[in-house]
C-alpha atoms as a PDB file:
ATOM      1  CA  MET A   1     -43.054   2.325  52.804  1.00  0.00           C
ATOM      2  CA  ARG A   2     -41.051   5.365  53.853  1.00  0.00           C
ATOM      3  CA  LYS A   3     -38.034   4.027  51.955  1.00  0.00           C
ATOM      4  CA  ILE A   4     -40.119   3.497  48.823  1.00  0.00           C
ATOM      5  CA  ASN A   5     -41.515   7.014  49.014  1.00  0.00           C
ATOM      6  CA  THR A   6     -38.023   8.428  49.481  1.00  0.00           C
ATOM      7  CA  LEU A   7     -36.748   6.459  46.469  1.00  0.00           C
ATOM      8  CA  VAL A   8     -39.620   7.685  44.296  1.00  0.00           C
ATOM      9  CA  LEU A   9     -38.940  11.256  45.394  1.00  0.00           C
ATOM     10  CA  LEU A  10     -35.249  10.965  44.541  1.00  0.00           C
ATOM     11  CA  LEU A  11     -36.036   9.504  41.108  1.00  0.00           C
ATOM     12  CA  ALA A  12     -38.469  12.338  40.447  1.00  0.00           C
ATOM     13  CA  MET A  13     -35.786  14.873  41.384  1.00  0.00           C
ATOM     14  CA  LEU A  14     -33.125  13.169  39.248  1.00  0.00           C
ATOM     15  CA  LEU A  15     -35.299  12.698  36.164  1.00  0.00           C
ATOM     16  CA  PRO A  16     -34.940  16.286  34.877  1.00  0.00           C
ATOM     17  CA  THR A  17     -31.170  16.071  35.400  1.00  0.00           C
ATOM     18  CA  VAL A  18     -30.957  12.785  33.467  1.00  0.00           C
ATOM     19  CA  GLN A  19     -33.049  14.270  30.664  1.00  0.00           C
ATOM     20  CA  LEU A  20     -30.773  17.335  30.596  1.00  0.00           C
ATOM     21  CA  PHE A  21     -27.640  15.203  30.320  1.00  0.00           C
ATOM     22  CA  ALA A  22     -29.269  13.094  27.611  1.00  0.00           C
ATOM     23  CA  GLN A  23     -30.171  16.213  25.647  1.00  0.00           C
ATOM     24  CA  GLU A  24     -26.633  17.588  26.022  1.00  0.00           C
ATOM     25  CA  ALA A  25     -25.123  14.267  24.902  1.00  0.00           C
ATOM     26  CA  GLU A  26     -27.472  14.179  21.903  1.00  0.00           C
ATOM     27  CA  GLN A  27     -26.627  17.781  21.016  1.00  0.00           C
ATOM     28  CA  SER A  28     -22.904  17.020  21.411  1.00  0.00           C
ATOM     29  CA  SER A  29     -23.259  13.972  19.170  1.00  0.00           C
ATOM     30  CA  GLU A  30     -25.111  16.009  16.547  1.00  0.00           C
ATOM     31  CA  SER A  31     -22.488  18.742  16.803  1.00  0.00           C
ATOM     32  CA  GLU A  32     -19.724  16.192  16.209  1.00  0.00           C
ATOM     33  CA  LYS A  33     -21.568  14.879  13.169  1.00  0.00           C
ATOM     34  CA  LYS A  34     -21.961  18.386  11.762  1.00  0.00           C
ATOM     35  CA  SER A  35     -18.410  19.519  12.551  1.00  0.00           C
ATOM     36  CA  PRO A  36     -16.209  19.298   9.434  1.00  0.00           C
ATOM     37  CA  ILE A  37     -12.947  19.498  11.377  1.00  0.00           C
ATOM     38  CA  ALA A  38     -10.943  16.339  12.046  1.00  0.00           C
ATOM     39  CA  VAL A  39      -7.823  16.202  14.242  1.00  0.00           C
ATOM     40  CA  ASN A  40      -5.381  13.310  14.278  1.00  0.00           C
ATOM     41  CA  LEU A  41      -2.412  13.148  16.661  1.00  0.00           C
ATOM     42  CA  SER A  42       0.119  10.319  16.733  1.00  0.00           C
ATOM     43  CA  ALA A  43       3.779   9.691  17.511  1.00  0.00           C
ATOM     44  CA  LYS A  44       6.491   7.209  16.637  1.00  0.00           C
ATOM     45  CA  VAL A  45       9.870   6.176  18.033  1.00  0.00           C
ATOM     46  CA  LYS A  46      12.338   5.028  15.340  1.00  0.00           C
ATOM     47  CA  SER A  47      15.843   3.576  15.376  1.00  0.00           C
ATOM     48  CA  ARG A  48      16.770   5.800  12.387  1.00  0.00           C
ATOM     49  CA  HIS A  49      14.991   7.993   9.882  1.00  0.00           C
ATOM     50  CA  VAL A  50      15.392   7.574   6.120  1.00  0.00           C
ATOM     51  CA  TRP A  51      13.452   9.764   3.676  1.00  0.00           C
ATOM     52  CA  ASN A  52      13.229   8.551   0.082  1.00  0.00           C
ATOM     53  CA  GLY A  53      16.517   6.687   0.421  1.00  0.00           C
ATOM     54  CA  TRP A  54      18.203   9.653   2.119  1.00  0.00           C
ATOM     55  CA  LEU A  55      19.472   9.165   5.701  1.00  0.00           C
ATOM     56  CA  SER A  56      18.184  12.109   7.750  1.00  0.00           C
ATOM     57  CA  CYS A  57      18.838  10.914  11.305  1.00  0.00           C
ATOM     58  CA  ASN A  58      21.390   8.262  12.298  1.00  0.00           C
ATOM     59  CA  SER A  59      20.077   7.828  15.832  1.00  0.00           C
ATOM     60  CA  TRP A  60      17.021   6.822  17.853  1.00  0.00           C
ATOM     61  CA  ASN A  61      14.473   9.607  17.443  1.00  0.00           C
ATOM     62  CA  ILE A  62      10.899  10.516  18.303  1.00  0.00           C
ATOM     63  CA  GLN A  63       8.465  11.711  15.630  1.00  0.00           C
ATOM     64  CA  PRO A  64       5.245  13.556  16.599  1.00  0.00           C
ATOM     65  CA  ASP A  65       2.633  13.908  13.855  1.00  0.00           C
ATOM     66  CA  LEU A  66      -0.399  16.251  13.893  1.00  0.00           C
ATOM     67  CA  THR A  67      -2.980  16.665  11.117  1.00  0.00           C
ATOM     68  CA  ILE A  68      -5.950  19.056  11.086  1.00  0.00           C
ATOM     69  CA  SER A  69      -8.310  18.657   8.130  1.00  0.00           C
ATOM     70  CA  ALA A  70     -11.631  20.000   6.862  1.00  0.00           C
ATOM     71  CA  TYR A  71     -13.400  19.961   3.487  1.00  0.00           C
ATOM     72  CA  GLY A  72     -10.453  18.235   1.806  1.00  0.00           C
ATOM     73  CA  ALA A  73      -7.908  20.829   2.959  1.00  0.00           C
ATOM     74  CA  PHE A  74      -5.401  19.915   5.652  1.00  0.00           C
ATOM     75  CA  PHE A  75      -2.477  21.179   7.690  1.00  0.00           C
ATOM     76  CA  ASN A  76       0.176  18.771   8.919  1.00  0.00           C
ATOM     77  CA  ALA A  77       3.008  19.283  11.401  1.00  0.00           C
ATOM     78  CA  TRP A  78       5.619  16.539  11.617  1.00  0.00           C
ATOM     79  CA  ALA A  79       9.042  16.452  13.239  1.00  0.00           C
ATOM     80  CA  TYR A  80      11.871  14.258  14.363  1.00  0.00           C
ATOM     81  CA  THR A  81      14.226  14.862  17.264  1.00  0.00           C
ATOM     82  CA  ALA A  82      17.183  12.645  18.146  1.00  0.00           C
ATOM     83  CA  LEU A  83      16.746  11.283  21.657  1.00  0.00           C
ATOM     84  CA  ASP A  84      20.389  11.989  22.511  1.00  0.00           C
ATOM     85  CA  HIS A  85      19.981  15.607  21.267  1.00  0.00           C
ATOM     86  CA  THR A  86      23.361  15.501  19.548  1.00  0.00           C
ATOM     87  CA  LEU A  87      22.011  15.713  16.000  1.00  0.00           C
ATOM     88  CA  SER A  88      20.073  18.360  14.143  1.00  0.00           C
ATOM     89  CA  SER A  89      16.292  18.066  14.295  1.00  0.00           C
ATOM     90  CA  GLU A  90      13.660  18.780  11.648  1.00  0.00           C
ATOM     91  CA  ILE A  91      10.139  20.245  11.642  1.00  0.00           C
ATOM     92  CA  ASP A  92       7.990  19.940   8.508  1.00  0.00           C
ATOM     93  CA  LEU A  93       4.881  22.077   7.990  1.00  0.00           C
ATOM     94  CA  THR A  94       2.591  21.030   5.151  1.00  0.00           C
ATOM     95  CA  LEU A  95      -0.447  22.631   3.535  1.00  0.00           C
ATOM     96  CA  GLY A  96      -2.445  20.377   1.254  1.00  0.00           C
ATOM     97  CA  TYR A  97      -5.719  19.706  -0.469  1.00  0.00           C
ATOM     98  CA  THR A  98      -7.232  16.378  -1.507  1.00  0.00           C
ATOM     99  CA  LEU A  99      -9.757  16.117  -4.309  1.00  0.00           C
ATOM    100  CA  GLY A 100     -10.806  12.575  -5.117  1.00  0.00           C
ATOM    101  CA  PRO A 101      -7.695  10.417  -5.557  1.00  0.00           C
ATOM    102  CA  VAL A 102      -5.362  13.417  -6.034  1.00  0.00           C
ATOM    103  CA  THR A 103      -3.549  15.370  -3.304  1.00  0.00           C
ATOM    104  CA  LEU A 104      -1.587  18.583  -3.796  1.00  0.00           C
ATOM    105  CA  MET A 105       0.922  19.543  -1.062  1.00  0.00           C
ATOM    106  CA  TYR A 106       3.476  22.229  -0.312  1.00  0.00           C
ATOM    107  CA  ILE A 107       6.010  21.440   2.415  1.00  0.00           C
ATOM    108  CA  ASP A 108       8.333  23.707   4.356  1.00  0.00           C
ATOM    109  CA  MET A 109      11.201  21.708   5.873  1.00  0.00           C
ATOM    110  CA  PHE A 110      12.753  23.592   8.771  1.00  0.00           C
ATOM    111  CA  TYR A 111      16.090  22.605  10.292  1.00  0.00           C
ATOM    112  CA  PRO A 112      16.465  24.394  13.664  1.00  0.00           C
ATOM    113  CA  THR A 113      19.903  25.804  14.385  1.00  0.00           C
ATOM    114  CA  GLU A 114      19.646  25.334  18.153  1.00  0.00           C
ATOM    115  CA  ASN A 115      21.682  22.117  18.069  1.00  0.00           C
ATOM    116  CA  LYS A 116      24.280  23.386  15.641  1.00  0.00           C
ATOM    117  CA  LYS A 117      27.628  24.675  16.829  1.00  0.00           C
ATOM    118  CA  GLY A 118      27.750  28.448  16.754  1.00  0.00           C
ATOM    119  CA  ALA A 119      23.981  28.826  16.998  1.00  0.00           C
ATOM    120  CA  TYR A 120      24.093  30.599  20.352  1.00  0.00           C
ATOM    121  CA  PHE A 121      27.332  31.642  22.047  1.00  0.00           C
ATOM    122  CA  ASN A 122      29.124  28.738  20.333  1.00  0.00           C
ATOM    123  CA  LYS A 123      27.336  26.227  22.539  1.00  0.00           C
ATOM    124  CA  VAL A 124      25.733  23.032  21.292  1.00  0.00           C
ATOM    125  CA  GLY A 125      22.229  22.150  22.446  1.00  0.00           C
ATOM    126  CA  THR A 126      21.182  25.584  23.677  1.00  0.00           C
ATOM    127  CA  SER A 127      17.594  26.783  23.411  1.00  0.00           C
ATOM    128  CA  GLY A 128      16.996  29.853  21.319  1.00  0.00           C
ATOM    129  CA  LYS A 129      18.220  31.174  17.980  1.00  0.00           C
ATOM    130  CA  MET A 130      16.245  28.572  16.027  1.00  0.00           C
ATOM    131  CA  ARG A 131      15.781  31.128  13.192  1.00  0.00           C
ATOM    132  CA  PHE A 132      12.459  29.842  11.928  1.00  0.00           C
ATOM    133  CA  LEU A 133      11.682  33.162  10.208  1.00  0.00           C
ATOM    134  CA  ARG A 134      14.999  33.227   8.350  1.00  0.00           C
ATOM    135  CA  TYR A 135      14.434  32.557   4.633  1.00  0.00           C
ATOM    136  CA  ASN A 136      17.729  33.344   2.959  1.00  0.00           C
ATOM    137  CA  LYS A 137      18.905  31.825  -0.314  1.00  0.00           C
ATOM    138  CA  GLU A 138      22.521  32.229   0.807  1.00  0.00           C
ATOM    139  CA  ASP A 139      21.873  29.557   3.475  1.00  0.00           C
ATOM    140  CA  ASP A 140      21.762  26.990   0.651  1.00  0.00           C
ATOM    141  CA  GLY A 141      19.029  24.964   2.344  1.00  0.00           C
ATOM    142  CA  ALA A 142      20.749  24.696   5.720  1.00  0.00           C
ATOM    143  CA  ILE A 143      17.738  26.204   7.561  1.00  0.00           C
ATOM    144  CA  HIS A 144      14.785  25.919   5.160  1.00  0.00           C
ATOM    145  CA  GLN A 145      13.939  23.771   2.174  1.00  0.00           C
ATOM    146  CA  GLN A 146      10.600  23.744   0.391  1.00  0.00           C
ATOM    147  CA  MET A 147       9.014  21.177  -1.887  1.00  0.00           C
ATOM    148  CA  ALA A 148       5.854  21.022  -4.013  1.00  0.00           C
ATOM    149  CA  MET A 149       4.283  17.567  -4.273  1.00  0.00           C
ATOM    150  CA  LEU A 150       1.543  16.061  -6.401  1.00  0.00           C
ATOM    151  CA  GLN A 151       0.263  12.684  -5.260  1.00  0.00           C
ATOM    152  CA  PHE A 152      -2.076  10.181  -6.872  1.00  0.00           C
ATOM    153  CA  ASN A 153      -3.457   8.070  -4.016  1.00  0.00           C
ATOM    154  CA  GLY A 154      -4.629   5.160  -6.144  1.00  0.00           C
ATOM    155  CA  VAL A 155      -8.081   3.802  -6.991  1.00  0.00           C
ATOM    156  CA  PRO A 156      -9.468   0.232  -6.789  1.00  0.00           C
ATOM    157  CA  GLN A 157      -8.852  -0.260 -10.493  1.00  0.00           C
ATOM    158  CA  PHE A 158      -5.244   1.012 -10.147  1.00  0.00           C
ATOM    159  CA  PRO A 159      -4.079   0.807  -6.491  1.00  0.00           C
ATOM    160  CA  ILE A 160      -0.606   2.232  -7.135  1.00  0.00           C
ATOM    161  CA  LYS A 161       0.293   5.428  -5.276  1.00  0.00           C
ATOM    162  CA  CYS A 162       2.422   7.826  -7.322  1.00  0.00           C
ATOM    163  CA  THR A 163       4.131  10.890  -5.843  1.00  0.00           C
ATOM    164  CA  VAL A 164       6.122  13.545  -7.693  1.00  0.00           C
ATOM    165  CA  GLY A 165       8.091  16.055  -5.617  1.00  0.00           C
ATOM    166  CA  VAL A 166      10.066  19.094  -6.783  1.00  0.00           C
ATOM    167  CA  PHE A 167      12.308  21.252  -4.587  1.00  0.00           C
ATOM    168  CA  THR A 168      11.393  24.923  -5.003  1.00  0.00           C
ATOM    169  CA  PHE A 169      13.627  26.515  -2.337  1.00  0.00           C
ATOM    170  CA  GLY A 170      16.908  25.623  -0.640  1.00  0.00           C
ATOM    171  CA  ASP A 171      18.163  23.334  -3.391  1.00  0.00           C
ATOM    172  CA  PRO A 172      21.354  24.894  -4.770  1.00  0.00           C
ATOM    173  CA  ILE A 173      23.445  23.542  -7.608  1.00  0.00           C
ATOM    174  CA  LEU A 174      26.978  23.174  -6.267  1.00  0.00           C
ATOM    175  CA  ARG A 175      30.211  22.361  -8.094  1.00  0.00           C
ATOM    176  CA  GLN A 176      33.777  21.541  -7.118  1.00  0.00           C
ATOM    177  CA  VAL A 177      36.435  23.954  -8.320  1.00  0.00           C
ATOM    178  CA  GLU A 178      40.191  23.643  -7.947  1.00  0.00           C
ATOM    179  CA  GLN A 179      41.944  26.788  -6.763  1.00  0.00           C
ATOM    180  CA  THR A 180      45.439  27.773  -5.704  1.00  0.00           C
ATOM    181  CA  ASN A 181      45.745  29.083  -2.167  1.00  0.00           C
ATOM    182  CA  ALA A 182      48.245  31.612  -0.778  1.00  0.00           C
ATOM    183  CA  ALA A 183      50.801  28.853  -0.171  1.00  0.00           C
ATOM    184  CA  GLY A 184      50.694  27.848  -3.824  1.00  0.00           C
ATOM    185  CA  GLU A 185      48.846  24.607  -3.076  1.00  0.00           C
ATOM    186  CA  THR A 186      45.976  23.345  -5.215  1.00  0.00           C
ATOM    187  CA  VAL A 187      42.829  22.906  -3.159  1.00  0.00           C
ATOM    188  CA  THR A 188      39.278  21.907  -4.047  1.00  0.00           C
ATOM    189  CA  VAL A 189      36.492  24.246  -2.972  1.00  0.00           C
ATOM    190  CA  ILE A 190      32.735  24.045  -3.425  1.00  0.00           C
ATOM    191  CA  GLU A 191      31.037  26.924  -5.196  1.00  0.00           C
ATOM    192  CA  ARG A 192      27.375  27.660  -5.774  1.00  0.00           C
ATOM    193  CA  GLU A 193      26.532  27.593  -9.456  1.00  0.00           C
ATOM    194  CA  LYS A 194      22.817  28.283  -9.066  1.00  0.00           C
ATOM    195  CA  TYR A 195      20.468  28.977  -6.158  1.00  0.00           C
ATOM    196  CA  GLU A 196      17.740  26.527  -7.179  1.00  0.00           C
ATOM    197  CA  GLY A 197      18.289  23.208  -8.922  1.00  0.00           C
ATOM    198  CA  TYR A 198      14.665  22.017  -8.725  1.00  0.00           C
ATOM    199  CA  SER A 199      15.645  18.455  -7.893  1.00  0.00           C
ATOM    200  CA  THR A 200      12.796  16.090  -8.750  1.00  0.00           C
ATOM    201  CA  LEU A 201      11.854  12.721  -7.283  1.00  0.00           C
ATOM    202  CA  VAL A 202       9.216  10.202  -8.388  1.00  0.00           C
ATOM    203  CA  ASN A 203       8.047   7.548  -5.927  1.00  0.00           C
ATOM    204  CA  LEU A 204       5.718   4.606  -6.611  1.00  0.00           C
ATOM    205  CA  GLY A 205       4.079   2.679  -3.788  1.00  0.00           C
ATOM    206  CA  TYR A 206       1.686  -0.196  -3.223  1.00  0.00           C
ATOM    207  CA  SER A 207       0.172  -1.478   0.051  1.00  0.00           C
ATOM    208  CA  HIS A 208      -1.996  -4.439   0.973  1.00  0.00           C
ATOM    209  CA  LYS A 209      -3.152  -6.163   4.154  1.00  0.00           C
ATOM    210  CA  LEU A 210      -2.675  -9.728   5.304  1.00  0.00           C
ATOM    211  CA  LYS A 211      -5.286 -11.785   7.161  1.00  0.00           C
ATOM    212  CA  ARG A 212      -3.488 -11.274  10.470  1.00  0.00           C
ATOM    213  CA  GLY A 213      -3.885  -7.495  10.130  1.00  0.00           C
ATOM    214  CA  GLN A 214      -0.357  -6.727   8.972  1.00  0.00           C
ATOM    215  CA  THR A 215       0.111  -4.147   6.227  1.00  0.00           C
ATOM    216  CA  LEU A 216       2.858  -4.655   3.655  1.00  0.00           C
ATOM    217  CA  THR A 217       4.171  -1.711   1.627  1.00  0.00           C
ATOM    218  CA  TYR A 218       6.490  -1.683  -1.386  1.00  0.00           C
ATOM    219  CA  GLU A 219       8.116   1.503  -2.697  1.00  0.00           C
ATOM    220  CA  LEU A 220      10.300   2.404  -5.647  1.00  0.00           C
ATOM    221  CA  GLY A 221      11.767   5.922  -5.903  1.00  0.00           C
ATOM    222  CA  PHE A 222      13.880   7.376  -8.690  1.00  0.00           C
ATOM    223  CA  THR A 223      15.181  10.645 -10.087  1.00  0.00           C
ATOM    224  CA  PRO A 224      13.805  11.128 -13.636  1.00  0.00           C
ATOM    225  CA  PHE A 225      16.464  13.398 -15.100  1.00  0.00           C
ATOM    226  CA  LYS A 226      19.671  15.289 -14.421  1.00  0.00           C
ATOM    227  CA  GLY A 227      19.312  17.760 -11.587  1.00  0.00           C
ATOM    228  CA  SER A 228      21.259  19.311  -8.756  1.00  0.00           C
ATOM    229  CA  GLY A 229      22.179  15.942  -7.330  1.00  0.00           C
ATOM    230  CA  PHE A 230      20.303  16.224  -4.021  1.00  0.00           C
ATOM    231  CA  PHE A 231      19.024  12.666  -4.472  1.00  0.00           C
ATOM    232  CA  ALA A 232      21.135  11.579  -7.450  1.00  0.00           C
ATOM    233  CA  ASP A 233      22.638  13.098 -10.575  1.00  0.00           C
ATOM    234  CA  GLY A 234      20.724  11.978 -13.645  1.00  0.00           C
ATOM    235  CA  PHE A 235      18.329   9.038 -13.909  1.00  0.00           C
ATOM    236  CA  ASN A 236      18.908   6.740 -10.925  1.00  0.00           C
ATOM    237  CA  VAL A 237      16.956   4.532  -8.538  1.00  0.00           C
ATOM    238  CA  VAL A 238      17.417   5.919  -5.007  1.00  0.00           C
ATOM    239  CA  ASN A 239      14.761   4.175  -2.919  1.00  0.00           C
ATOM    240  CA  MET A 240      13.685   0.533  -2.796  1.00  0.00           C
ATOM    241  CA  LYS A 241      11.681  -0.089   0.375  1.00  0.00           C
ATOM    242  CA  PHE A 242       9.823  -3.031   1.862  1.00  0.00           C
ATOM    243  CA  ALA A 243       7.854  -2.151   5.006  1.00  0.00           C
ATOM    244  CA  VAL A 244       5.728  -4.134   7.458  1.00  0.00           C
ATOM    245  CA  SER A 245       3.256  -2.516   9.844  1.00  0.00           C
ATOM    246  CA  GLN A 246       1.925  -4.801  12.566  1.00  0.00           C
ATOM    247  CA  PRO A 247      -0.759  -3.745  15.083  1.00  0.00           C
ATOM    248  CA  ILE A 248      -0.249  -4.628  18.736  1.00  0.00           C
ATOM    249  CA  ARG A 249      -3.496  -4.636  20.691  1.00  0.00           C
ATOM    250  CA  VAL A 250      -3.065  -3.475  24.288  1.00  0.00           C
ATOM    251  CA  THR A 251      -6.697  -2.937  25.337  1.00  0.00           C
ATOM    252  CA  ASP A 252     -10.046  -2.764  23.558  1.00  0.00           C
ATOM    253  CA  SER A 253      -9.584   0.962  23.031  1.00  0.00           C
ATOM    254  CA  PHE A 254      -5.802   1.290  22.747  1.00  0.00           C
ATOM    255  CA  SER A 255      -3.224  -0.347  20.493  1.00  0.00           C
ATOM    256  CA  LEU A 256       0.361   0.171  19.386  1.00  0.00           C
ATOM    257  CA  ARG A 257       1.944  -0.357  15.983  1.00  0.00           C
ATOM    258  CA  LEU A 258       5.245  -2.088  15.284  1.00  0.00           C
ATOM    259  CA  ASP A 259       6.845  -1.049  11.985  1.00  0.00           C
ATOM    260  CA  GLY A 260       9.834  -2.474  10.177  1.00  0.00           C
ATOM    261  CA  GLU A 261      11.500  -0.938   7.102  1.00  0.00           C
ATOM    262  CA  LEU A 262      14.131  -2.528   4.882  1.00  0.00           C
ATOM    263  CA  ILE A 263      15.478   0.204   2.582  1.00  0.00           C
ATOM    264  CA  PHE A 264      18.043  -0.030  -0.183  1.00  0.00           C
ATOM    265  CA  ASN A 265      19.488   2.945  -2.076  1.00  0.00           C
ATOM    266  CA  PRO A 266      21.195   1.495  -5.194  1.00  0.00           C
ATOM    267  CA  TYR A 267      22.672   4.855  -6.196  1.00  0.00           C
ATOM    268  CA  ARG A 268      24.577   5.257  -2.921  1.00  0.00           C
ATOM    269  CA  GLU A 269      24.840   1.513  -2.239  1.00  0.00           C
ATOM    270  CA  ASN A 270      23.289   2.061   1.198  1.00  0.00           C
ATOM    271  CA  LEU A 271      21.177  -0.487   3.076  1.00  0.00           C
ATOM    272  CA  TYR A 272      19.055   0.343   6.149  1.00  0.00           C
ATOM    273  CA  PHE A 273      16.939  -1.842   8.440  1.00  0.00           C
ATOM    274  CA  ILE A 274      14.782   0.323  10.684  1.00  0.00           C
ATOM    275  CA  VAL A 275      12.333  -0.531  13.459  1.00  0.00           C
ATOM    276  CA  ALA A 276       9.697   1.818  14.862  1.00  0.00           C
ATOM    277  CA  LEU A 277       6.977   1.785  17.510  1.00  0.00           C
ATOM    278  CA  GLY A 278       3.930   3.954  16.851  1.00  0.00           C
ATOM    279  CA  PHE A 279       1.238   5.061  19.271  1.00  0.00           C
END
């Protein structure tokens, strides 16, 4: 009887605490429902990185990806860093807004100088002197490039994604000029003809899922007219990609993603086969 009385007394003492925790959990749940802010953090390890048919990193690299969104507006931070730290890295900061099936984005592509020779006491791989705040047209896109993008995300009646991107900063028009040096020899030098070439790229994409959960993606990217030649000079196909994304279930609450990308750039006659692991 004494044990029963003690148990009843303990339950009576714990009941207010249980009710308090239940109320806090309910309030927390309601707060989460009311909160408009969504945060998504992911990462990926890739054997190479190719952007719209353009080889950016010819080495194993890690790519963190962070998105903060609310009311259709979002901020995204994405980067890649070569695991051997011998190549230049990249950090992209994007501001965007999605309204229905349309997304408008403006991207700042930053190329840190910390891994470039001469960045700091002529040493490679030193920390410091990344020069993020340096926006100078004379750099010709070596530190910053910026691009405006308009994206149609597709609708059930027309599930094709269409993206149009235009460089607005760090896209110079360069030309080769033959000159005679002091020794009387004819040499070829590169001169800047114009600071901004406004190179334009159009990319079409379509994705669908298989019964086993795999997602297949097909992309076709091309330059619509003559530009600075960042992607290609004139009308050319620069990106033909077939990608497979396959989920790998580890536990009930955690899974990985295995990605494969087969990319062909007809303009440059380049072929890439890339594998990635996302988590």
